[in-house]
Amino acid sequence: MRPTLPSLIALVFLGCGPAPAPVVPGPPIYAVPDVQVGTMQVECEALQTAFDGWRACPNLDDPGRRTIDAYSDLAKQSFDAGSKANPDDKSQRAIAIACQRAAKSARAATERCNNGRPPPRNY
């Protein structure tokens, strides 16, 4: 069906209207500050220390200790493999940042564990 003249005129008038309000920019988003990190060796040793502290938690059960042992062994094997590869400075920094983040997570888990028994597992 062909559009009629009144429907075309209505279509033109519907398209016309007040101009949209200008978009006001929001506040700037600043970059994340640079992470202060030690050497790869220091940060990955701190990770092993954090795992040892978590394993010493009195509220931890045997399956939890085995899990932490597995995390610790994996981290040690990964660090040893990374050390043998003799990575460049940028790669060593990335490894150090990863170890630092994992150590923070392990320390937080230690604090949670020290403040009470873990919830029952559903599996």
PDB file of N, CA and C in Angstrom:
ATOM      1  N   MET A   1       0.837  -1.163   0.000  1.00  0.00           N
ATOM      2  CA  MET A   1       0.000   0.000   0.000  1.00  0.00           C
ATOM      3  C   MET A   1       0.890   1.237   0.000  1.00  0.00           C
ATOM      4  N   ARG A   2       0.533   2.184  -0.857  1.00  0.00           N
ATOM      5  CA  ARG A   2       1.320   3.409  -0.968  1.00  0.00           C
ATOM      6  C   ARG A   2       0.960   4.379   0.143  1.00  0.00           C
ATOM      7  N   PRO A   3       1.968   5.079   0.726  1.00  0.00           N
ATOM      8  CA  PRO A   3       1.639   6.059   1.759  1.00  0.00           C
ATOM      9  C   PRO A   3       0.911   7.251   1.145  1.00  0.00           C
ATOM     10  N   THR A   4      -0.021   7.770   1.879  1.00  0.00           N
ATOM     11  CA  THR A   4      -0.784   8.929   1.415  1.00  0.00           C
ATOM     12  C   THR A   4      -0.094  10.196   1.860  1.00  0.00           C
ATOM     13  N   LEU A   5      -0.494  11.298   1.270  1.00  0.00           N
ATOM     14  CA  LEU A   5       0.127  12.576   1.582  1.00  0.00           C
ATOM     15  C   LEU A   5      -0.046  12.968   3.050  1.00  0.00           C
ATOM     16  N   PRO A   6      -1.222  12.816   3.653  1.00  0.00           N
ATOM     17  CA  PRO A   6      -1.331  13.179   5.073  1.00  0.00           C
ATOM     18  C   PRO A   6      -0.416  12.339   5.964  1.00  0.00           C
ATOM     19  N   SER A   7      -0.238  11.056   5.641  1.00  0.00           N
ATOM     20  CA  SER A   7       0.639  10.238   6.483  1.00  0.00           C
ATOM     21  C   SER A   7       2.095  10.655   6.314  1.00  0.00           C
ATOM     22  N   LEU A   8       2.497  11.096   5.135  1.00  0.00           N
ATOM     23  CA  LEU A   8       3.858  11.584   4.927  1.00  0.00           C
ATOM     24  C   LEU A   8       4.086  12.886   5.681  1.00  0.00           C
ATOM     25  N   ILE A   9       3.095  13.781   5.676  1.00  0.00           N
ATOM     26  CA  ILE A   9       3.220  15.047   6.399  1.00  0.00           C
ATOM     27  C   ILE A   9       3.327  14.779   7.901  1.00  0.00           C
ATOM     28  N   ALA A  10       2.528  13.855   8.414  1.00  0.00           N
ATOM     29  CA  ALA A  10       2.589  13.510   9.838  1.00  0.00           C
ATOM     30  C   ALA A  10       3.956  12.935  10.182  1.00  0.00           C
ATOM     31  N   LEU A  11       4.490  12.137   9.284  1.00  0.00           N
ATOM     32  CA  LEU A  11       5.796  11.533   9.516  1.00  0.00           C
ATOM     33  C   LEU A  11       6.883  12.599   9.592  1.00  0.00           C
ATOM     34  N   VAL A  12       6.786  13.619   8.727  1.00  0.00           N
ATOM     35  CA  VAL A  12       7.772  14.693   8.728  1.00  0.00           C
ATOM     36  C   VAL A  12       7.671  15.497  10.021  1.00  0.00           C
ATOM     37  N   PHE A  13       6.452  15.787  10.458  1.00  0.00           N
ATOM     38  CA  PHE A  13       6.286  16.565  11.685  1.00  0.00           C
ATOM     39  C   PHE A  13       6.706  15.789  12.933  1.00  0.00           C
ATOM     40  N   LEU A  14       6.522  14.485  12.912  1.00  0.00           N
ATOM     41  CA  LEU A  14       6.948  13.694  14.060  1.00  0.00           C
ATOM     42  C   LEU A  14       8.468  13.674  14.186  1.00  0.00           C
ATOM     43  N   GLY A  15       9.141  13.726  13.052  1.00  0.00           N
ATOM     44  CA  GLY A  15      10.596  13.721  13.061  1.00  0.00           C
ATOM     45  C   GLY A  15      11.167  15.051  13.522  1.00  0.00           C
ATOM     46  N   CYS A  16      10.395  16.113  13.389  1.00  0.00           N
ATOM     47  CA  CYS A  16      10.862  17.423  13.826  1.00  0.00           C
ATOM     48  C   CYS A  16      10.504  17.620  15.291  1.00  0.00           C
ATOM     49  N   GLY A  17      11.290  18.322  15.976  1.00  0.00           N
ATOM     50  CA  GLY A  17      11.016  18.588  17.378  1.00  0.00           C
ATOM     51  C   GLY A  17      12.175  19.351  17.968  1.00  0.00           C
ATOM     52  N   PRO A  18      12.126  19.523  19.245  1.00  0.00           N
ATOM     53  CA  PRO A  18      13.225  20.273  19.851  1.00  0.00           C
ATOM     54  C   PRO A  18      14.534  19.483  19.719  1.00  0.00           C
ATOM     55  N   ALA A  19      15.598  20.211  19.603  1.00  0.00           N
ATOM     56  CA  ALA A  19      16.916  19.584  19.479  1.00  0.00           C
ATOM     57  C   ALA A  19      17.262  18.894  20.803  1.00  0.00           C
ATOM     58  N   PRO A  20      17.924  17.758  20.749  1.00  0.00           N
ATOM     59  CA  PRO A  20      18.290  17.086  21.996  1.00  0.00           C
ATOM     60  C   PRO A  20      19.281  17.927  22.801  1.00  0.00           C
ATOM     61  N   ALA A  21      19.208  17.782  24.094  1.00  0.00           N
ATOM     62  CA  ALA A  21      20.109  18.536  24.971  1.00  0.00           C
ATOM     63  C   ALA A  21      21.542  18.062  24.741  1.00  0.00           C
ATOM     64  N   PRO A  22      22.498  18.974  24.830  1.00  0.00           N
ATOM     65  CA  PRO A  22      23.892  18.563  24.626  1.00  0.00           C
ATOM     66  C   PRO A  22      24.344  17.618  25.755  1.00  0.00           C
ATOM     67  N   VAL A  23      25.215  16.713  25.403  1.00  0.00           N
ATOM     68  CA  VAL A  23      25.724  15.745  26.371  1.00  0.00           C
ATOM     69  C   VAL A  23      26.814  16.402  27.197  1.00  0.00           C
ATOM     70  N   VAL A  24      26.646  16.361  28.488  1.00  0.00           N
ATOM     71  CA  VAL A  24      27.642  16.935  29.393  1.00  0.00           C
ATOM     72  C   VAL A  24      28.607  15.817  29.788  1.00  0.00           C
ATOM     73  N   PRO A  25      29.903  16.010  29.576  1.00  0.00           N
ATOM     74  CA  PRO A  25      30.845  14.951  29.933  1.00  0.00           C
ATOM     75  C   PRO A  25      30.920  14.761  31.446  1.00  0.00           C
ATOM     76  N   GLY A  26      31.123  13.536  31.835  1.00  0.00           N
ATOM     77  CA  GLY A  26      31.241  13.221  33.254  1.00  0.00           C
ATOM     78  C   GLY A  26      32.640  13.506  33.759  1.00  0.00           C
ATOM     79  N   PRO A  27      32.873  13.190  35.009  1.00  0.00           N
ATOM     80  CA  PRO A  27      34.208  13.424  35.561  1.00  0.00           C
ATOM     81  C   PRO A  27      35.217  12.494  34.894  1.00  0.00           C
ATOM     82  N   PRO A  28      36.473  12.903  34.850  1.00  0.00           N
ATOM     83  CA  PRO A  28      37.478  12.057  34.213  1.00  0.00           C
ATOM     84  C   PRO A  28      37.704  10.769  35.006  1.00  0.00           C
ATOM     85  N   ILE A  29      38.058   9.716  34.290  1.00  0.00           N
ATOM     86  CA  ILE A  29      38.383   8.433  34.914  1.00  0.00           C
ATOM     87  C   ILE A  29      39.907   8.341  34.934  1.00  0.00           C
ATOM     88  N   TYR A  30      40.460   8.322  36.124  1.00  0.00           N
ATOM     89  CA  TYR A  30      41.906   8.306  36.250  1.00  0.00           C
ATOM     90  C   TYR A  30      42.444   6.891  36.141  1.00  0.00           C
ATOM     91  N   ALA A  31      43.656   6.770  35.678  1.00  0.00           N
ATOM     92  CA  ALA A  31      44.304   5.470  35.560  1.00  0.00           C
ATOM     93  C   ALA A  31      44.619   4.925  36.946  1.00  0.00           C
ATOM     94  N   VAL A  32      44.684   3.614  37.031  1.00  0.00           N
ATOM     95  CA  VAL A  32      45.046   2.963  38.281  1.00  0.00           C
ATOM     96  C   VAL A  32      46.500   3.299  38.588  1.00  0.00           C
ATOM     97  N   PRO A  33      46.807   3.678  39.826  1.00  0.00           N
ATOM     98  CA  PRO A  33      48.194   4.016  40.137  1.00  0.00           C
ATOM     99  C   PRO A  33      49.100   2.803  39.956  1.00  0.00           C
ATOM    100  N   ASP A  34      50.343   3.078  39.670  1.00  0.00           N
ATOM    101  CA  ASP A  34      51.314   2.026  39.447  1.00  0.00           C
ATOM    102  C   ASP A  34      51.500   1.198  40.726  1.00  0.00           C
ATOM    103  N   VAL A  35      51.578  -0.106  40.560  1.00  0.00           N
ATOM    104  CA  VAL A  35      51.710  -1.019  41.687  1.00  0.00           C
ATOM    105  C   VAL A  35      53.159  -1.031  42.153  1.00  0.00           C
ATOM    106  N   GLN A  36      53.357  -0.878  43.461  1.00  0.00           N
ATOM    107  CA  GLN A  36      54.691  -0.980  44.037  1.00  0.00           C
ATOM    108  C   GLN A  36      54.957  -2.442  44.328  1.00  0.00           C
ATOM    109  N   VAL A  37      55.972  -2.991  43.704  1.00  0.00           N
ATOM    110  CA  VAL A  37      56.232  -4.411  43.832  1.00  0.00           C
ATOM    111  C   VAL A  37      57.740  -4.630  43.972  1.00  0.00           C
ATOM    112  N   GLY A  38      58.098  -5.651  44.751  1.00  0.00           N
ATOM    113  CA  GLY A  38      59.500  -6.005  44.905  1.00  0.00           C
ATOM    114  C   GLY A  38      59.956  -6.881  43.758  1.00  0.00           C
ATOM    115  N   THR A  39      61.049  -7.549  43.956  1.00  0.00           N
ATOM    116  CA  THR A  39      61.552  -8.440  42.910  1.00  0.00           C
ATOM    117  C   THR A  39      60.694  -9.695  42.843  1.00  0.00           C
ATOM    118  N   MET A  40      60.862 -10.424  41.774  1.00  0.00           N
ATOM    119  CA  MET A  40      60.120 -11.667  41.588  1.00  0.00           C
ATOM    120  C   MET A  40      60.436 -12.629  42.732  1.00  0.00           C
ATOM    121  N   GLN A  41      61.677 -12.735  43.110  1.00  0.00           N
ATOM    122  CA  GLN A  41      62.092 -13.651  44.176  1.00  0.00           C
ATOM    123  C   GLN A  41      61.427 -13.274  45.499  1.00  0.00           C
ATOM    124  N   VAL A  42      61.455 -12.011  45.850  1.00  0.00           N
ATOM    125  CA  VAL A  42      60.902 -11.550  47.136  1.00  0.00           C
ATOM    126  C   VAL A  42      59.394 -11.772  47.187  1.00  0.00           C
ATOM    127  N   GLU A  43      58.686 -11.394  46.124  1.00  0.00           N
ATOM    128  CA  GLU A  43      57.227 -11.502  46.119  1.00  0.00           C
ATOM    129  C   GLU A  43      56.766 -12.958  46.133  1.00  0.00           C
ATOM    130  N   CYS A  44      57.466 -13.826  45.421  1.00  0.00           N
ATOM    131  CA  CYS A  44      57.052 -15.232  45.379  1.00  0.00           C
ATOM    132  C   CYS A  44      57.414 -15.953  46.676  1.00  0.00           C
ATOM    133  N   GLU A  45      58.467 -15.526  47.355  1.00  0.00           N
ATOM    134  CA  GLU A  45      58.755 -16.071  48.688  1.00  0.00           C
ATOM    135  C   GLU A  45      57.706 -15.608  49.689  1.00  0.00           C
ATOM    136  N   ALA A  46      57.231 -14.370  49.528  1.00  0.00           N
ATOM    137  CA  ALA A  46      56.150 -13.874  50.390  1.00  0.00           C
ATOM    138  C   ALA A  46      54.877 -14.680  50.170  1.00  0.00           C
ATOM    139  N   LEU A  47      54.648 -15.133  48.952  1.00  0.00           N
ATOM    140  CA  LEU A  47      53.490 -15.981  48.664  1.00  0.00           C
ATOM    141  C   LEU A  47      53.611 -17.306  49.411  1.00  0.00           C
ATOM    142  N   GLN A  48      54.783 -17.912  49.397  1.00  0.00           N
ATOM    143  CA  GLN A  48      54.976 -19.172  50.114  1.00  0.00           C
ATOM    144  C   GLN A  48      54.787 -18.975  51.621  1.00  0.00           C
ATOM    145  N   THR A  49      55.250 -17.851  52.136  1.00  0.00           N
ATOM    146  CA  THR A  49      55.062 -17.533  53.550  1.00  0.00           C
ATOM    147  C   THR A  49      53.577 -17.361  53.873  1.00  0.00           C
ATOM    148  N   ALA A  50      52.840 -16.716  52.964  1.00  0.00           N
ATOM    149  CA  ALA A  50      51.396 -16.539  53.167  1.00  0.00           C
ATOM    150  C   ALA A  50      50.686 -17.889  53.160  1.00  0.00           C
ATOM    151  N   PHE A  51      51.092 -18.796  52.282  1.00  0.00           N
ATOM    152  CA  PHE A  51      50.503 -20.138  52.272  1.00  0.00           C
ATOM    153  C   PHE A  51      50.805 -20.878  53.581  1.00  0.00           C
ATOM    154  N   ASP A  52      52.027 -20.725  54.090  1.00  0.00           N
ATOM    155  CA  ASP A  52      52.389 -21.375  55.362  1.00  0.00           C
ATOM    156  C   ASP A  52      51.537 -20.836  56.510  1.00  0.00           C
ATOM    157  N   GLY A  53      51.295 -19.532  56.511  1.00  0.00           N
ATOM    158  CA  GLY A  53      50.449 -18.941  57.541  1.00  0.00           C
ATOM    159  C   GLY A  53      49.011 -19.421  57.447  1.00  0.00           C
ATOM    160  N   TRP A  54      48.523 -19.555  56.242  1.00  0.00           N
ATOM    161  CA  TRP A  54      47.151 -20.038  56.035  1.00  0.00           C
ATOM    162  C   TRP A  54      47.031 -21.491  56.480  1.00  0.00           C
ATOM    163  N   ARG A  55      48.062 -22.280  56.175  1.00  0.00           N
ATOM    164  CA  ARG A  55      48.032 -23.699  56.540  1.00  0.00           C
ATOM    165  C   ARG A  55      48.047 -23.882  58.056  1.00  0.00           C
ATOM    166  N   ALA A  56      48.620 -22.930  58.781  1.00  0.00           N
ATOM    167  CA  ALA A  56      48.726 -23.025  60.240  1.00  0.00           C
ATOM    168  C   ALA A  56      47.440 -22.621  60.959  1.00  0.00           C
ATOM    169  N   CYS A  57      46.426 -22.235  60.236  1.00  0.00           N
ATOM    170  CA  CYS A  57      45.166 -21.805  60.850  1.00  0.00           C
ATOM    171  C   CYS A  57      44.559 -22.953  61.659  1.00  0.00           C
ATOM    172  N   PRO A  58      44.196 -22.710  62.926  1.00  0.00           N
ATOM    173  CA  PRO A  58      43.642 -23.778  63.751  1.00  0.00           C
ATOM    174  C   PRO A  58      42.238 -24.228  63.332  1.00  0.00           C
ATOM    175  N   ASN A  59      41.520 -23.416  62.605  1.00  0.00           N
ATOM    176  CA  ASN A  59      40.160 -23.762  62.188  1.00  0.00           C
ATOM    177  C   ASN A  59      40.110 -24.507  60.860  1.00  0.00           C
ATOM    178  N   LEU A  60      41.257 -24.802  60.287  1.00  0.00           N
ATOM    179  CA  LEU A  60      41.309 -25.448  58.979  1.00  0.00           C
ATOM    180  C   LEU A  60      41.198 -26.955  59.127  1.00  0.00           C
ATOM    181  N   ASP A  61      40.394 -27.574  58.266  1.00  0.00           N
ATOM    182  CA  ASP A  61      40.256 -29.028  58.311  1.00  0.00           C
ATOM    183  C   ASP A  61      41.289 -29.679  57.377  1.00  0.00           C
ATOM    184  N   ASP A  62      41.363 -31.007  57.403  1.00  0.00           N
ATOM    185  CA  ASP A  62      42.361 -31.722  56.606  1.00  0.00           C
ATOM    186  C   ASP A  62      42.205 -31.511  55.100  1.00  0.00           C
ATOM    187  N   PRO A  63      40.989 -31.555  54.549  1.00  0.00           N
ATOM    188  CA  PRO A  63      40.876 -31.269  53.111  1.00  0.00           C
ATOM    189  C   PRO A  63      41.352 -29.855  52.760  1.00  0.00           C
ATOM    190  N   GLY A  64      41.109 -28.912  53.643  1.00  0.00           N
ATOM    191  CA  GLY A  64      41.590 -27.547  53.420  1.00  0.00           C
ATOM    192  C   GLY A  64      43.106 -27.483  53.412  1.00  0.00           C
ATOM    193  N   ARG A  65      43.735 -28.214  54.326  1.00  0.00           N
ATOM    194  CA  ARG A  65      45.206 -28.242  54.365  1.00  0.00           C
ATOM    195  C   ARG A  65      45.778 -28.879  53.094  1.00  0.00           C
ATOM    196  N   ARG A  66      45.131 -29.933  52.637  1.00  0.00           N
ATOM    197  CA  ARG A  66      45.595 -30.571  51.395  1.00  0.00           C
ATOM    198  C   ARG A  66      45.449 -29.618  50.210  1.00  0.00           C
ATOM    199  N   THR A  67      44.380 -28.851  50.191  1.00  0.00           N
ATOM    200  CA  THR A  67      44.189 -27.876  49.117  1.00  0.00           C
ATOM    201  C   THR A  67      45.283 -26.818  49.154  1.00  0.00           C
ATOM    202  N   ILE A  68      45.591 -26.320  50.340  1.00  0.00           N
ATOM    203  CA  ILE A  68      46.640 -25.309  50.471  1.00  0.00           C
ATOM    204  C   ILE A  68      47.990 -25.895  50.080  1.00  0.00           C
ATOM    205  N   ASP A  69      48.241 -27.134  50.456  1.00  0.00           N
ATOM    206  CA  ASP A  69      49.494 -27.788  50.049  1.00  0.00           C
ATOM    207  C   ASP A  69      49.589 -27.866  48.524  1.00  0.00           C
ATOM    208  N   ALA A  70      48.476 -28.181  47.879  1.00  0.00           N
ATOM    209  CA  ALA A  70      48.468 -28.249  46.416  1.00  0.00           C
ATOM    210  C   ALA A  70      48.735 -26.869  45.810  1.00  0.00           C
ATOM    211  N   TYR A  71      48.106 -25.813  46.375  1.00  0.00           N
ATOM    212  CA  TYR A  71      48.369 -24.449  45.903  1.00  0.00           C
ATOM    213  C   TYR A  71      49.842 -24.102  46.072  1.00  0.00           C
ATOM    214  N   SER A  72      50.381 -24.431  47.223  1.00  0.00           N
ATOM    215  CA  SER A  72      51.771 -24.112  47.522  1.00  0.00           C
ATOM    216  C   SER A  72      52.719 -24.848  46.575  1.00  0.00           C
ATOM    217  N   ASP A  73      52.472 -26.127  46.343  1.00  0.00           N
ATOM    218  CA  ASP A  73      53.324 -26.901  45.435  1.00  0.00           C
ATOM    219  C   ASP A  73      53.253 -26.348  44.013  1.00  0.00           C
ATOM    220  N   LEU A  74      52.054 -26.017  43.569  1.00  0.00           N
ATOM    221  CA  LEU A  74      51.893 -25.461  42.228  1.00  0.00           C
ATOM    222  C   LEU A  74      52.629 -24.133  42.094  1.00  0.00           C
ATOM    223  N   ALA A  75      52.511 -23.282  43.107  1.00  0.00           N
ATOM    224  CA  ALA A  75      53.187 -21.984  43.061  1.00  0.00           C
ATOM    225  C   ALA A  75      54.703 -22.177  43.039  1.00  0.00           C
ATOM    226  N   LYS A  76      55.212 -23.107  43.848  1.00  0.00           N
ATOM    227  CA  LYS A  76      56.661 -23.361  43.885  1.00  0.00           C
ATOM    228  C   LYS A  76      57.146 -23.899  42.547  1.00  0.00           C
ATOM    229  N   GLN A  77      56.425 -24.854  41.960  1.00  0.00           N
ATOM    230  CA  GLN A  77      56.819 -25.399  40.670  1.00  0.00           C
ATOM    231  C   GLN A  77      56.782 -24.325  39.577  1.00  0.00           C
ATOM    232  N   SER A  78      55.757 -23.492  39.621  1.00  0.00           N
ATOM    233  CA  SER A  78      55.638 -22.424  38.619  1.00  0.00           C
ATOM    234  C   SER A  78      56.764 -21.417  38.766  1.00  0.00           C
ATOM    235  N   PHE A  79      57.103 -21.062  40.008  1.00  0.00           N
ATOM    236  CA  PHE A  79      58.186 -20.110  40.234  1.00  0.00           C
ATOM    237  C   PHE A  79      59.523 -20.706  39.798  1.00  0.00           C
ATOM    238  N   ASP A  80      59.753 -21.980  40.117  1.00  0.00           N
ATOM    239  CA  ASP A  80      61.001 -22.628  39.705  1.00  0.00           C
ATOM    240  C   ASP A  80      61.129 -22.670  38.183  1.00  0.00           C
ATOM    241  N   ALA A  81      60.035 -22.993  37.517  1.00  0.00           N
ATOM    242  CA  ALA A  81      60.055 -23.025  36.049  1.00  0.00           C
ATOM    243  C   ALA A  81      60.288 -21.625  35.483  1.00  0.00           C
ATOM    244  N   GLY A  82      59.655 -20.638  36.096  1.00  0.00           N
ATOM    245  CA  GLY A  82      59.855 -19.264  35.633  1.00  0.00           C
ATOM    246  C   GLY A  82      61.265 -18.776  35.867  1.00  0.00           C
ATOM    247  N   SER A  83      61.885 -19.196  36.954  1.00  0.00           N
ATOM    248  CA  SER A  83      63.262 -18.791  37.248  1.00  0.00           C
ATOM    249  C   SER A  83      64.242 -19.412  36.263  1.00  0.00           C
ATOM    250  N   LYS A  84      64.002 -20.670  35.907  1.00  0.00           N
ATOM    251  CA  LYS A  84      64.895 -21.349  34.963  1.00  0.00           C
ATOM    252  C   LYS A  84      64.844 -20.710  33.583  1.00  0.00           C
ATOM    253  N   ALA A  85      63.691 -20.162  33.225  1.00  0.00           N
ATOM    254  CA  ALA A  85      63.542 -19.557  31.902  1.00  0.00           C
ATOM    255  C   ALA A  85      64.275 -18.227  31.791  1.00  0.00           C
ATOM    256  N   ASN A  86      64.700 -17.664  32.930  1.00  0.00           N
ATOM    257  CA  ASN A  86      65.403 -16.381  32.967  1.00  0.00           C
ATOM    258  C   ASN A  86      64.635 -15.308  32.186  1.00  0.00           C
ATOM    259  N   PRO A  87      63.414 -14.955  32.650  1.00  0.00           N
ATOM    260  CA  PRO A  87      62.588 -13.989  31.911  1.00  0.00           C
ATOM    261  C   PRO A  87      63.175 -12.581  31.949  1.00  0.00           C
ATOM    262  N   ASP A  88      62.754 -11.764  30.993  1.00  0.00           N
ATOM    263  CA  ASP A  88      63.211 -10.375  30.956  1.00  0.00           C
ATOM    264  C   ASP A  88      62.577  -9.583  32.101  1.00  0.00           C
ATOM    265  N   ASP A  89      62.990  -8.337  32.255  1.00  0.00           N
ATOM    266  CA  ASP A  89      62.545  -7.518  33.396  1.00  0.00           C
ATOM    267  C   ASP A  89      61.033  -7.318  33.409  1.00  0.00           C
ATOM    268  N   LYS A  90      60.430  -7.096  32.235  1.00  0.00           N
ATOM    269  CA  LYS A  90      58.986  -6.873  32.177  1.00  0.00           C
ATOM    270  C   LYS A  90      58.228  -8.133  32.609  1.00  0.00           C
ATOM    271  N   SER A  91      58.699  -9.291  32.196  1.00  0.00           N
ATOM    272  CA  SER A  91      58.058 -10.549  32.576  1.00  0.00           C
ATOM    273  C   SER A  91      58.252 -10.830  34.060  1.00  0.00           C
ATOM    274  N   GLN A  92      59.448 -10.519  34.586  1.00  0.00           N
ATOM    275  CA  GLN A  92      59.674 -10.706  36.018  1.00  0.00           C
ATOM    276  C   GLN A  92      58.755  -9.822  36.837  1.00  0.00           C
ATOM    277  N   ARG A  93      58.520  -8.611  36.362  1.00  0.00           N
ATOM    278  CA  ARG A  93      57.602  -7.717  37.069  1.00  0.00           C
ATOM    279  C   ARG A  93      56.184  -8.282  37.050  1.00  0.00           C
ATOM    280  N   ALA A  94      55.753  -8.830  35.917  1.00  0.00           N
ATOM    281  CA  ALA A  94      54.414  -9.420  35.824  1.00  0.00           C
ATOM    282  C   ALA A  94      54.284 -10.610  36.777  1.00  0.00           C
ATOM    283  N   ILE A  95      55.317 -11.426  36.873  1.00  0.00           N
ATOM    284  CA  ILE A  95      55.298 -12.563  37.798  1.00  0.00           C
ATOM    285  C   ILE A  95      55.258 -12.072  39.229  1.00  0.00           C
ATOM    286  N   ALA A  96      56.035 -11.029  39.529  1.00  0.00           N
ATOM    287  CA  ALA A  96      56.062 -10.473  40.883  1.00  0.00           C
ATOM    288  C   ALA A  96      54.689  -9.914  41.261  1.00  0.00           C
ATOM    289  N   ILE A  97      54.022  -9.244  40.343  1.00  0.00           N
ATOM    290  CA  ILE A  97      52.684  -8.704  40.614  1.00  0.00           C
ATOM    291  C   ILE A  97      51.708  -9.845  40.863  1.00  0.00           C
ATOM    292  N   ALA A  98      51.802 -10.914  40.075  1.00  0.00           N
ATOM    293  CA  ALA A  98      50.906 -12.061  40.266  1.00  0.00           C
ATOM    294  C   ALA A  98      51.146 -12.702  41.633  1.00  0.00           C
ATOM    295  N   CYS A  99      52.401 -12.839  42.025  1.00  0.00           N
ATOM    296  CA  CYS A  99      52.709 -13.409  43.347  1.00  0.00           C
ATOM    297  C   CYS A  99      52.201 -12.496  44.460  1.00  0.00           C
ATOM    298  N   GLN A 100      52.334 -11.189  44.279  1.00  0.00           N
ATOM    299  CA  GLN A 100      51.872 -10.242  45.293  1.00  0.00           C
ATOM    300  C   GLN A 100      50.353 -10.325  45.463  1.00  0.00           C
ATOM    301  N   ARG A 101      49.626 -10.411  44.359  1.00  0.00           N
ATOM    302  CA  ARG A 101      48.161 -10.511  44.428  1.00  0.00           C
ATOM    303  C   ARG A 101      47.731 -11.819  45.085  1.00  0.00           C
ATOM    304  N   ALA A 102      48.401 -12.894  44.729  1.00  0.00           N
ATOM    305  CA  ALA A 102      48.061 -14.186  45.325  1.00  0.00           C
ATOM    306  C   ALA A 102      48.376 -14.190  46.818  1.00  0.00           C
ATOM    307  N   ALA A 103      49.465 -13.547  47.218  1.00  0.00           N
ATOM    308  CA  ALA A 103      49.818 -13.473  48.634  1.00  0.00           C
ATOM    309  C   ALA A 103      48.773 -12.666  49.408  1.00  0.00           C
ATOM    310  N   LYS A 104      48.287 -11.583  48.824  1.00  0.00           N
ATOM    311  CA  LYS A 104      47.223 -10.804  49.480  1.00  0.00           C
ATOM    312  C   LYS A 104      45.981 -11.656  49.673  1.00  0.00           C
ATOM    313  N   SER A 105      45.645 -12.437  48.665  1.00  0.00           N
ATOM    314  CA  SER A 105      44.480 -13.312  48.748  1.00  0.00           C
ATOM    315  C   SER A 105      44.675 -14.373  49.824  1.00  0.00           C
ATOM    316  N   ALA A 106      45.864 -14.950  49.898  1.00  0.00           N
ATOM    317  CA  ALA A 106      46.144 -15.975  50.913  1.00  0.00           C
ATOM    318  C   ALA A 106      46.109 -15.374  52.319  1.00  0.00           C
ATOM    319  N   ARG A 107      46.604 -14.149  52.469  1.00  0.00           N
ATOM    320  CA  ARG A 107      46.543 -13.503  53.793  1.00  0.00           C
ATOM    321  C   ARG A 107      45.099 -13.206  54.190  1.00  0.00           C
ATOM    322  N   ALA A 108      44.272 -12.810  53.224  1.00  0.00           N
ATOM    323  CA  ALA A 108      42.853 -12.574  53.521  1.00  0.00           C
ATOM    324  C   ALA A 108      42.171 -13.877  53.910  1.00  0.00           C
ATOM    325  N   ALA A 109      42.510 -14.966  53.223  1.00  0.00           N
ATOM    326  CA  ALA A 109      41.939 -16.268  53.571  1.00  0.00           C
ATOM    327  C   ALA A 109      42.395 -16.703  54.961  1.00  0.00           C
ATOM    328  N   THR A 110      43.619 -16.385  55.315  1.00  0.00           N
ATOM    329  CA  THR A 110      44.119 -16.706  56.651  1.00  0.00           C
ATOM    330  C   THR A 110      43.334 -15.948  57.715  1.00  0.00           C
ATOM    331  N   GLU A 111      43.080 -14.692  57.450  1.00  0.00           N
ATOM    332  CA  GLU A 111      42.309 -13.879  58.408  1.00  0.00           C
ATOM    333  C   GLU A 111      40.893 -14.421  58.565  1.00  0.00           C
ATOM    334  N   ARG A 112      40.264 -14.776  57.447  1.00  0.00           N
ATOM    335  CA  ARG A 112      38.917 -15.355  57.525  1.00  0.00           C
ATOM    336  C   ARG A 112      38.943 -16.656  58.310  1.00  0.00           C
ATOM    337  N   CYS A 113      39.936 -17.473  58.069  1.00  0.00           N
ATOM    338  CA  CYS A 113      40.039 -18.771  58.739  1.00  0.00           C
ATOM    339  C   CYS A 113      40.276 -18.588  60.238  1.00  0.00           C
ATOM    340  N   ASN A 114      41.108 -17.636  60.595  1.00  0.00           N
ATOM    341  CA  ASN A 114      41.414 -17.405  62.014  1.00  0.00           C
ATOM    342  C   ASN A 114      40.225 -16.849  62.782  1.00  0.00           C
ATOM    343  N   ASN A 115      39.244 -16.282  62.076  1.00  0.00           N
ATOM    344  CA  ASN A 115      38.085 -15.692  62.744  1.00  0.00           C
ATOM    345  C   ASN A 115      36.901 -16.640  62.868  1.00  0.00           C
ATOM    346  N   GLY A 116      37.073 -17.885  62.562  1.00  0.00           N
ATOM    347  CA  GLY A 116      35.981 -18.829  62.746  1.00  0.00           C
ATOM    348  C   GLY A 116      36.100 -20.027  61.825  1.00  0.00           C
ATOM    349  N   ARG A 117      35.271 -21.001  62.116  1.00  0.00           N
ATOM    350  CA  ARG A 117      35.276 -22.212  61.309  1.00  0.00           C
ATOM    351  C   ARG A 117      34.717 -21.914  59.929  1.00  0.00           C
ATOM    352  N   PRO A 118      35.220 -22.595  58.920  1.00  0.00           N
ATOM    353  CA  PRO A 118      34.672 -22.373  57.575  1.00  0.00           C
ATOM    354  C   PRO A 118      33.267 -22.953  57.482  1.00  0.00           C
ATOM    355  N   PRO A 119      32.460 -22.422  56.580  1.00  0.00           N
ATOM    356  CA  PRO A 119      31.107 -22.955  56.421  1.00  0.00           C
ATOM    357  C   PRO A 119      31.169 -24.396  55.902  1.00  0.00           C
ATOM    358  N   PRO A 120      30.144 -25.187  56.163  1.00  0.00           N
ATOM    359  CA  PRO A 120      30.154 -26.581  55.678  1.00  0.00           C
ATOM    360  C   PRO A 120      30.148 -26.616  54.169  1.00  0.00           C
ATOM    361  N   ARG A 121      30.813 -27.615  53.624  1.00  0.00           N
ATOM    362  CA  ARG A 121      30.884 -27.774  52.180  1.00  0.00           C
ATOM    363  C   ARG A 121      29.655 -28.512  51.697  1.00  0.00           C
ATOM    364  N   ASN A 122      29.179 -28.134  50.545  1.00  0.00           N
ATOM    365  CA  ASN A 122      27.956 -28.718  50.007  1.00  0.00           C
ATOM    366  C   ASN A 122      28.220 -29.794  48.966  1.00  0.00           C
ATOM    367  N   TYR A 123      29.413 -30.303  48.928  1.00  0.00           N
ATOM    368  CA  TYR A 123      29.681 -31.349  47.934  1.00  0.00           C
ATOM    369  C   TYR A 123      30.166 -32.610  48.548  1.00  0.00           C
TER     370      TYR A 123
END
